[in-house]
Amino acid sequence: MLALFSDDFVQSLKKHATLKSTVRKKVDMILTDSFGLGEPLKGNFRGYYSASVKINFLIIYLYCAVCRQRGDDVIVRCHDCSRCVHKTIKFVQLGPHDQAYGKR
């Protein structure tokens, strides 16, 4: 599994450095079992998944294989979609619930 991290995700991780080890564990868990941990999102976030790091603090990510299989790539429109291998997970956002959903 290939993991890609957006600039926003990396910046947010720097901002919330006290959670770095917790986030790292959650990222590893997502890479191991992307469906078991993540909750598929709807509406404007169709194609994305969210996973809680702690109460009201979450990771938003995208699994390329599922996105393409479900046809969500037409909605999501990643700028690098054609260059990503099928088994790529893109970690898009990290942060408190309201902030993470507001930045997409």
N, C-alpha and C. Protein backbone atom coordinates (compact mmCIF):
# COMPACT_ATOMS: atom_id res chain seq x y z
N MET A 1 0.85 -1.18 0.00
CA MET A 1 0.00 0.00 0.00
C MET A 1 0.90 1.24 0.00
N LEU A 2 0.61 2.16 -0.88
CA LEU A 2 1.35 3.42 -0.97
C LEU A 2 0.58 4.51 -0.24
N ALA A 3 1.25 5.27 0.58
CA ALA A 3 0.62 6.37 1.32
C ALA A 3 1.13 7.70 0.80
N LEU A 4 0.21 8.60 0.49
CA LEU A 4 0.55 9.97 0.10
C LEU A 4 -0.10 10.92 1.10
N PHE A 5 0.61 11.98 1.45
CA PHE A 5 0.11 12.94 2.43
C PHE A 5 0.03 14.32 1.79
N SER A 6 -1.13 14.95 1.87
CA SER A 6 -1.30 16.29 1.31
C SER A 6 -0.53 17.30 2.14
N ASP A 7 -0.26 18.45 1.55
CA ASP A 7 0.42 19.53 2.28
C ASP A 7 -0.40 19.95 3.49
N ASP A 8 -1.73 20.02 3.34
CA ASP A 8 -2.60 20.39 4.45
C ASP A 8 -2.48 19.39 5.60
N PHE A 9 -2.41 18.12 5.27
CA PHE A 9 -2.29 17.08 6.29
C PHE A 9 -0.97 17.26 7.06
N VAL A 10 0.11 17.46 6.34
CA VAL A 10 1.43 17.62 6.96
C VAL A 10 1.47 18.88 7.83
N GLN A 11 0.91 19.98 7.34
CA GLN A 11 0.88 21.23 8.11
C GLN A 11 0.07 21.05 9.40
N SER A 12 -1.05 20.38 9.28
CA SER A 12 -1.90 20.15 10.45
C SER A 12 -1.20 19.25 11.46
N LEU A 13 -0.44 18.27 10.96
CA LEU A 13 0.31 17.39 11.87
C LEU A 13 1.37 18.19 12.63
N LYS A 14 1.99 19.14 11.96
CA LYS A 14 2.96 20.00 12.64
C LYS A 14 2.28 20.86 13.70
N LYS A 15 1.10 21.34 13.37
CA LYS A 15 0.34 22.19 14.29
C LYS A 15 -0.11 21.41 15.53
N HIS A 16 -0.43 20.15 15.33
CA HIS A 16 -0.91 19.29 16.42
C HIS A 16 0.15 18.24 16.76
N ALA A 17 1.37 18.68 16.94
CA ALA A 17 2.51 17.78 17.14
C ALA A 17 2.36 16.86 18.35
N THR A 18 1.58 17.27 19.33
CA THR A 18 1.40 16.43 20.52
C THR A 18 0.67 15.12 20.18
N LEU A 19 -0.03 15.11 19.06
CA LEU A 19 -0.77 13.91 18.65
C LEU A 19 -0.01 13.07 17.62
N LYS A 20 1.22 13.43 17.35
CA LYS A 20 1.98 12.80 16.27
C LYS A 20 2.02 11.28 16.38
N SER A 21 2.34 10.75 17.54
CA SER A 21 2.43 9.29 17.68
C SER A 21 1.06 8.63 17.54
N THR A 22 0.03 9.27 18.05
CA THR A 22 -1.33 8.74 17.92
C THR A 22 -1.77 8.73 16.45
N VAL A 23 -1.46 9.82 15.75
CA VAL A 23 -1.80 9.90 14.32
C VAL A 23 -1.03 8.85 13.54
N ARG A 24 0.24 8.68 13.85
CA ARG A 24 1.06 7.68 13.16
C ARG A 24 0.47 6.28 13.33
N LYS A 25 0.04 5.95 14.54
CA LYS A 25 -0.57 4.64 14.79
C LYS A 25 -1.85 4.48 13.98
N LYS A 26 -2.66 5.54 13.94
CA LYS A 26 -3.93 5.47 13.20
C LYS A 26 -3.67 5.33 11.70
N VAL A 27 -2.67 6.07 11.19
CA VAL A 27 -2.31 5.96 9.77
C VAL A 27 -1.88 4.52 9.46
N ASP A 28 -1.05 3.94 10.32
CA ASP A 28 -0.62 2.55 10.12
C ASP A 28 -1.81 1.59 10.13
N MET A 29 -2.75 1.85 11.02
CA MET A 29 -3.95 1.01 11.08
C MET A 29 -4.78 1.15 9.81
N ILE A 30 -4.89 2.36 9.29
CA ILE A 30 -5.65 2.59 8.06
C ILE A 30 -4.96 1.89 6.89
N LEU A 31 -3.65 1.96 6.84
CA LEU A 31 -2.92 1.30 5.76
C LEU A 31 -3.09 -0.22 5.82
N THR A 32 -3.26 -0.75 7.01
CA THR A 32 -3.45 -2.18 7.18
C THR A 32 -4.89 -2.61 6.88
N ASP A 33 -5.85 -1.80 7.30
CA ASP A 33 -7.27 -2.14 7.13
C ASP A 33 -8.06 -0.88 6.80
N SER A 34 -7.99 -0.43 5.57
CA SER A 34 -8.62 0.83 5.18
C SER A 34 -10.14 0.85 5.33
N PHE A 35 -10.77 -0.29 5.17
CA PHE A 35 -12.23 -0.33 5.26
C PHE A 35 -12.72 -0.54 6.68
N GLY A 36 -11.98 -1.28 7.47
CA GLY A 36 -12.41 -1.59 8.83
C GLY A 36 -12.43 -0.37 9.74
N LEU A 37 -11.58 0.60 9.48
CA LEU A 37 -11.49 1.77 10.35
C LEU A 37 -12.25 2.96 9.81
N GLY A 38 -12.26 3.11 8.52
CA GLY A 38 -12.85 4.30 7.93
C GLY A 38 -14.34 4.24 7.73
N GLU A 39 -14.94 5.39 7.78
CA GLU A 39 -16.37 5.53 7.53
C GLU A 39 -16.53 6.28 6.21
N PRO A 40 -17.24 5.70 5.23
CA PRO A 40 -17.43 6.40 3.97
C PRO A 40 -18.24 7.68 4.17
N LEU A 41 -17.83 8.72 3.51
CA LEU A 41 -18.51 10.01 3.63
C LEU A 41 -19.49 10.19 2.48
N LYS A 42 -20.39 11.13 2.65
CA LYS A 42 -21.46 11.37 1.67
C LYS A 42 -21.46 12.82 1.23
N GLY A 43 -22.34 13.13 0.32
CA GLY A 43 -22.52 14.51 -0.13
C GLY A 43 -21.29 15.06 -0.80
N ASN A 44 -20.86 16.24 -0.40
CA ASN A 44 -19.68 16.88 -0.99
C ASN A 44 -18.40 16.10 -0.76
N PHE A 45 -18.43 15.15 0.17
CA PHE A 45 -17.25 14.36 0.50
C PHE A 45 -17.35 12.93 -0.02
N ARG A 46 -18.25 12.70 -0.97
CA ARG A 46 -18.40 11.37 -1.56
C ARG A 46 -17.05 10.92 -2.12
N GLY A 47 -16.67 9.69 -1.82
CA GLY A 47 -15.40 9.14 -2.26
C GLY A 47 -14.34 9.15 -1.18
N TYR A 48 -14.55 9.97 -0.14
CA TYR A 48 -13.60 10.08 0.95
C TYR A 48 -14.06 9.22 2.12
N TYR A 49 -13.12 8.96 3.03
CA TYR A 49 -13.40 8.24 4.27
C TYR A 49 -12.88 9.08 5.43
N SER A 50 -13.46 8.87 6.60
CA SER A 50 -12.94 9.53 7.80
C SER A 50 -12.68 8.47 8.87
N ALA A 51 -11.67 8.74 9.69
CA ALA A 51 -11.34 7.87 10.81
C ALA A 51 -11.00 8.75 12.00
N SER A 52 -11.55 8.43 13.14
CA SER A 52 -11.28 9.23 14.34
C SER A 52 -9.90 8.93 14.90
N VAL A 53 -9.22 10.01 15.29
CA VAL A 53 -7.95 9.89 15.99
C VAL A 53 -8.24 9.94 17.48
N LYS A 54 -9.11 10.84 17.86
CA LYS A 54 -9.64 10.94 19.21
C LYS A 54 -10.99 11.66 19.08
N ILE A 55 -11.68 11.88 20.15
CA ILE A 55 -13.00 12.51 20.08
C ILE A 55 -12.89 13.85 19.37
N ASN A 56 -13.72 14.02 18.34
CA ASN A 56 -13.81 15.25 17.56
C ASN A 56 -12.53 15.61 16.81
N PHE A 57 -11.64 14.66 16.57
CA PHE A 57 -10.40 14.91 15.83
C PHE A 57 -10.23 13.76 14.86
N LEU A 58 -10.13 14.04 13.58
CA LEU A 58 -10.17 12.96 12.61
C LEU A 58 -9.21 13.13 11.44
N ILE A 59 -9.08 12.03 10.73
CA ILE A 59 -8.30 11.96 9.50
C ILE A 59 -9.29 11.77 8.37
N ILE A 60 -9.12 12.52 7.29
CA ILE A 60 -9.91 12.30 6.08
C ILE A 60 -8.95 11.77 5.03
N TYR A 61 -9.34 10.66 4.40
CA TYR A 61 -8.46 10.04 3.42
C TYR A 61 -9.26 9.49 2.24
N LEU A 62 -8.54 9.09 1.22
CA LEU A 62 -9.12 8.60 -0.02
C LEU A 62 -8.36 7.34 -0.42
N TYR A 63 -9.08 6.30 -0.75
CA TYR A 63 -8.46 5.05 -1.22
C TYR A 63 -8.70 4.98 -2.72
N CYS A 64 -7.64 5.12 -3.51
CA CYS A 64 -7.76 5.25 -4.96
C CYS A 64 -8.49 4.09 -5.63
N ALA A 65 -8.22 2.87 -5.22
CA ALA A 65 -8.87 1.70 -5.84
C ALA A 65 -10.38 1.76 -5.69
N VAL A 66 -10.85 2.10 -4.51
CA VAL A 66 -12.29 2.16 -4.26
C VAL A 66 -12.89 3.37 -4.97
N CYS A 67 -12.20 4.48 -4.95
CA CYS A 67 -12.67 5.69 -5.61
C CYS A 67 -12.92 5.42 -7.10
N ARG A 68 -11.97 4.76 -7.74
CA ARG A 68 -12.10 4.44 -9.17
C ARG A 68 -13.19 3.40 -9.41
N GLN A 69 -13.23 2.38 -8.56
CA GLN A 69 -14.21 1.31 -8.72
C GLN A 69 -15.64 1.83 -8.63
N ARG A 70 -15.88 2.75 -7.72
CA ARG A 70 -17.22 3.29 -7.52
C ARG A 70 -17.55 4.46 -8.46
N GLY A 71 -16.57 4.89 -9.23
CA GLY A 71 -16.79 6.01 -10.14
C GLY A 71 -16.71 7.37 -9.46
N ASP A 72 -16.24 7.38 -8.22
CA ASP A 72 -16.13 8.65 -7.49
C ASP A 72 -15.00 9.53 -8.00
N ASP A 73 -14.08 8.96 -8.80
CA ASP A 73 -12.97 9.75 -9.32
C ASP A 73 -13.48 10.89 -10.21
N VAL A 74 -14.66 10.73 -10.80
CA VAL A 74 -15.26 11.78 -11.61
C VAL A 74 -15.68 12.96 -10.73
N ILE A 75 -16.05 12.67 -9.49
CA ILE A 75 -16.47 13.70 -8.55
C ILE A 75 -15.28 14.30 -7.82
N VAL A 76 -14.39 13.44 -7.34
CA VAL A 76 -13.25 13.88 -6.53
C VAL A 76 -12.26 14.68 -7.37
N ARG A 77 -11.94 14.18 -8.55
CA ARG A 77 -11.05 14.85 -9.51
C ARG A 77 -9.68 15.21 -8.92
N CYS A 78 -8.98 14.22 -8.44
CA CYS A 78 -7.61 14.45 -7.96
C CYS A 78 -6.73 14.85 -9.14
N HIS A 79 -5.90 15.83 -8.93
CA HIS A 79 -5.04 16.30 -10.01
C HIS A 79 -4.00 15.27 -10.43
N ASP A 80 -3.69 14.33 -9.57
CA ASP A 80 -2.68 13.32 -9.87
C ASP A 80 -3.26 11.91 -9.98
N CYS A 81 -4.53 11.80 -10.21
CA CYS A 81 -5.21 10.50 -10.23
C CYS A 81 -4.55 9.52 -11.21
N SER A 82 -4.28 9.97 -12.40
CA SER A 82 -3.74 9.07 -13.42
C SER A 82 -2.33 8.59 -13.09
N ARG A 83 -1.64 9.31 -12.23
CA ARG A 83 -0.27 8.93 -11.87
C ARG A 83 -0.21 8.06 -10.62
N CYS A 84 -1.31 7.91 -9.92
CA CYS A 84 -1.32 7.12 -8.68
C CYS A 84 -1.63 5.66 -8.98
N VAL A 85 -0.86 4.79 -8.34
CA VAL A 85 -1.14 3.36 -8.48
C VAL A 85 -2.46 3.05 -7.80
N HIS A 86 -3.02 1.93 -8.18
CA HIS A 86 -4.35 1.54 -7.71
C HIS A 86 -4.42 1.45 -6.19
N LYS A 87 -3.38 0.91 -5.57
CA LYS A 87 -3.38 0.71 -4.11
C LYS A 87 -2.72 1.88 -3.40
N THR A 88 -3.23 3.07 -3.64
CA THR A 88 -2.73 4.29 -2.99
C THR A 88 -3.79 4.80 -2.02
N ILE A 89 -3.34 5.21 -0.86
CA ILE A 89 -4.23 5.90 0.08
C ILE A 89 -3.68 7.31 0.24
N LYS A 90 -4.54 8.29 -0.02
CA LYS A 90 -4.17 9.69 0.09
C LYS A 90 -4.76 10.25 1.39
N PHE A 91 -3.88 10.69 2.25
CA PHE A 91 -4.31 11.32 3.50
C PHE A 91 -4.47 12.81 3.22
N VAL A 92 -5.71 13.27 3.26
CA VAL A 92 -6.06 14.60 2.77
C VAL A 92 -6.10 15.64 3.87
N GLN A 93 -6.78 15.35 4.98
CA GLN A 93 -6.96 16.31 6.07
C GLN A 93 -6.77 15.64 7.41
N LEU A 94 -6.40 16.47 8.38
CA LEU A 94 -6.24 16.04 9.75
C LEU A 94 -6.63 17.22 10.63
N GLY A 95 -7.48 16.98 11.60
CA GLY A 95 -7.82 18.06 12.51
C GLY A 95 -9.14 17.88 13.20
N PRO A 96 -9.52 18.90 13.98
CA PRO A 96 -10.84 18.88 14.62
C PRO A 96 -11.93 18.75 13.56
N HIS A 97 -13.01 18.13 13.92
CA HIS A 97 -14.11 17.82 13.00
C HIS A 97 -14.47 19.00 12.09
N ASP A 98 -14.80 20.14 12.65
CA ASP A 98 -15.26 21.28 11.85
C ASP A 98 -14.19 21.80 10.91
N GLN A 99 -12.96 21.83 11.35
CA GLN A 99 -11.87 22.33 10.52
C GLN A 99 -11.54 21.35 9.40
N ALA A 100 -11.51 20.07 9.69
CA ALA A 100 -11.17 19.07 8.69
C ALA A 100 -12.20 19.04 7.55
N TYR A 101 -13.47 19.17 7.88
CA TYR A 101 -14.50 19.16 6.85
C TYR A 101 -14.59 20.49 6.11
N GLY A 102 -14.09 21.52 6.69
CA GLY A 102 -14.17 22.83 6.04
C GLY A 102 -13.07 23.13 5.05
N LYS A 103 -12.04 22.29 4.97
CA LYS A 103 -10.87 22.60 4.14
C LYS A 103 -10.80 21.86 2.83
N ARG A 104 -11.67 20.97 2.54
CA ARG A 104 -11.56 20.18 1.32
C ARG A 104 -11.58 20.97 0.10
